Protein backbone atom coordinates (compact mmCIF):
# COMPACT_ATOMS: atom_id res chain seq x y z
CA MET A 1 0.00 0.00 0.00
CA PRO A 2 1.39 3.44 -0.93
CA ASN A 3 2.26 5.80 1.89
CA LEU A 4 0.13 8.78 2.92
CA GLY A 5 2.34 11.17 0.95
CA ALA A 6 1.45 9.41 -2.28
CA TYR A 7 -2.21 10.25 -1.63
CA LEU A 8 -1.73 13.69 -0.07
CA THR A 9 0.91 15.25 -2.34
CA PRO A 10 -1.30 15.29 -5.47
CA VAL A 11 -4.18 16.80 -3.48
CA LEU A 12 -1.96 19.57 -2.11
CA LEU A 13 -0.52 20.28 -5.57
CA LEU A 14 -4.04 20.41 -7.02
CA LEU A 15 -5.10 22.76 -4.24
CA ALA A 16 -2.21 25.12 -4.98
CA SER A 17 -2.83 24.91 -8.74
CA ASN A 18 -6.47 25.84 -8.18
CA VAL A 19 -5.47 28.97 -6.31
CA PHE A 20 -3.40 30.09 -9.31
CA MET A 21 -6.11 29.16 -11.80
CA THR A 22 -8.82 30.96 -9.87
CA PHE A 23 -6.73 34.13 -9.90
CA ALA A 24 -6.00 33.64 -13.62
CA TRP A 25 -9.68 33.22 -14.48
CA TYR A 26 -11.36 35.63 -12.05
CA GLY A 27 -8.72 37.91 -10.52
CA HIS A 28 -9.04 40.45 -13.31
CA LEU A 29 -12.65 41.16 -12.36
CA LYS A 30 -11.33 43.70 -9.84
CA PHE A 31 -9.52 45.53 -12.67
CA LYS A 32 -12.31 46.22 -15.14
CA THR A 33 -10.64 49.31 -16.56
CA SER A 34 -7.49 47.42 -17.59
CA PRO A 35 -7.25 46.74 -21.32
CA ILE A 36 -8.36 43.23 -22.20
CA TRP A 37 -5.07 42.35 -23.90
CA ILE A 38 -3.18 43.08 -20.66
CA VAL A 39 -5.66 40.99 -18.70
CA ILE A 40 -5.25 38.09 -21.15
CA PHE A 41 -1.46 38.11 -20.95
CA ALA A 42 -1.50 38.47 -17.17
CA SER A 43 -3.91 35.54 -16.93
CA TRP A 44 -1.66 33.43 -19.18
CA GLY A 45 1.30 34.26 -16.97
CA ILE A 46 -0.58 33.18 -13.85
CA ALA A 47 -1.89 30.05 -15.58
CA PHE A 48 1.68 29.00 -16.39
CA PHE A 49 2.31 28.48 -12.67
CA GLU A 50 -0.99 26.62 -12.36
CA TYR A 51 0.18 24.15 -15.00
CA CYS A 52 3.55 23.77 -13.25
CA LEU A 53 1.59 22.41 -10.28
CA GLN A 54 -1.35 20.70 -11.98
CA VAL A 55 0.63 18.53 -14.40
CA PRO A 56 2.85 16.98 -11.69
CA ALA A 57 -0.20 16.59 -9.43
CA ASN A 58 -1.94 14.47 -12.04
CA ARG A 59 1.24 12.60 -12.96
CA LEU A 60 1.99 11.71 -9.33
CA GLY A 61 -1.65 11.24 -8.44
CA HIS A 62 -2.30 8.73 -11.18
CA ALA A 63 -0.14 6.26 -9.26
CA VAL A 64 -2.81 6.05 -6.54
CA TYR A 65 -5.95 7.60 -8.09
CA SER A 66 -7.76 6.93 -11.34
CA ALA A 67 -8.11 9.77 -13.83
CA PRO A 68 -11.81 10.24 -12.95
CA GLN A 69 -10.92 10.35 -9.26
CA LEU A 70 -8.27 13.01 -9.92
CA LYS A 71 -10.86 15.03 -11.82
CA GLY A 72 -13.33 14.64 -8.95
CA ILE A 73 -10.73 15.87 -6.45
CA GLN A 74 -9.93 18.79 -8.72
CA GLU A 75 -13.60 19.78 -8.99
CA ILE A 76 -14.11 19.73 -5.24
CA LEU A 77 -10.96 21.78 -4.66
CA THR A 78 -12.03 24.24 -7.36
CA LEU A 79 -15.31 24.86 -5.55
CA VAL A 80 -13.64 25.31 -2.17
CA VAL A 81 -11.02 27.69 -3.56
CA PHE A 82 -13.55 29.62 -5.62
CA ALA A 83 -15.95 30.00 -2.68
CA GLY A 84 -13.20 31.51 -0.55
CA PHE A 85 -11.96 33.65 -3.43
CA SER A 86 -15.42 34.99 -4.16
CA VAL A 87 -15.98 36.08 -0.59
CA TRP A 88 -12.45 37.17 0.37
CA TYR A 89 -11.05 38.67 -2.85
CA LEU A 90 -14.11 39.74 -4.85
CA GLY A 91 -16.27 40.61 -1.84
CA GLU A 92 -19.22 38.67 -3.28
CA PRO A 93 -21.01 36.67 -0.61
CA LEU A 94 -22.26 33.20 -1.39
CA LYS A 95 -26.01 32.80 -1.31
CA TRP A 96 -27.90 29.72 -0.19
CA ASN A 97 -28.45 28.56 -3.77
CA HIS A 98 -24.72 28.82 -4.56
CA ILE A 99 -23.89 26.71 -1.53
CA ALA A 100 -26.64 24.19 -2.35
CA GLY A 101 -25.37 23.88 -5.92
CA PHE A 102 -21.79 23.42 -4.72
CA VAL A 103 -22.92 20.72 -2.27
CA LEU A 104 -24.63 18.84 -5.10
CA ILE A 105 -21.48 19.02 -7.23
CA VAL A 106 -19.42 17.71 -4.31
CA ALA A 107 -21.93 14.87 -3.86
CA ALA A 108 -21.59 14.02 -7.55
CA ALA A 109 -17.79 14.06 -7.32
CA PHE A 110 -17.97 11.81 -4.24
CA LEU A 111 -19.78 9.16 -6.31
CA ILE A 112 -16.62 8.77 -8.39
CA PHE A 113 -14.87 7.26 -5.36
CA LEU A 114 -17.43 4.55 -4.72
CA GLU A 115 -16.10 1.13 -5.69
């Protein structure tokens, strides 16, 4: 049986990659007056670091998780990171329907792990 690090390292790398990707995709919303071409290049630059974490996460993770399981983990982490980002960085509170929708997505991702 693989050690705990084999299971945890990919999750931590995916978590970190999601932080970068969330900033790449949504961080520019606070800078609406910036020209779109600057926003695009800045987002590409941020996304580069996301890929530097995401690719190894999936490569290492595939030793202990299936590809669908890795995708399920990534989706759950995306929701957690985005929820915090929305409230903390964008100042947009989550409403009950957002939370309910996120819970349903997490439930769907959980089904991937059932054997």
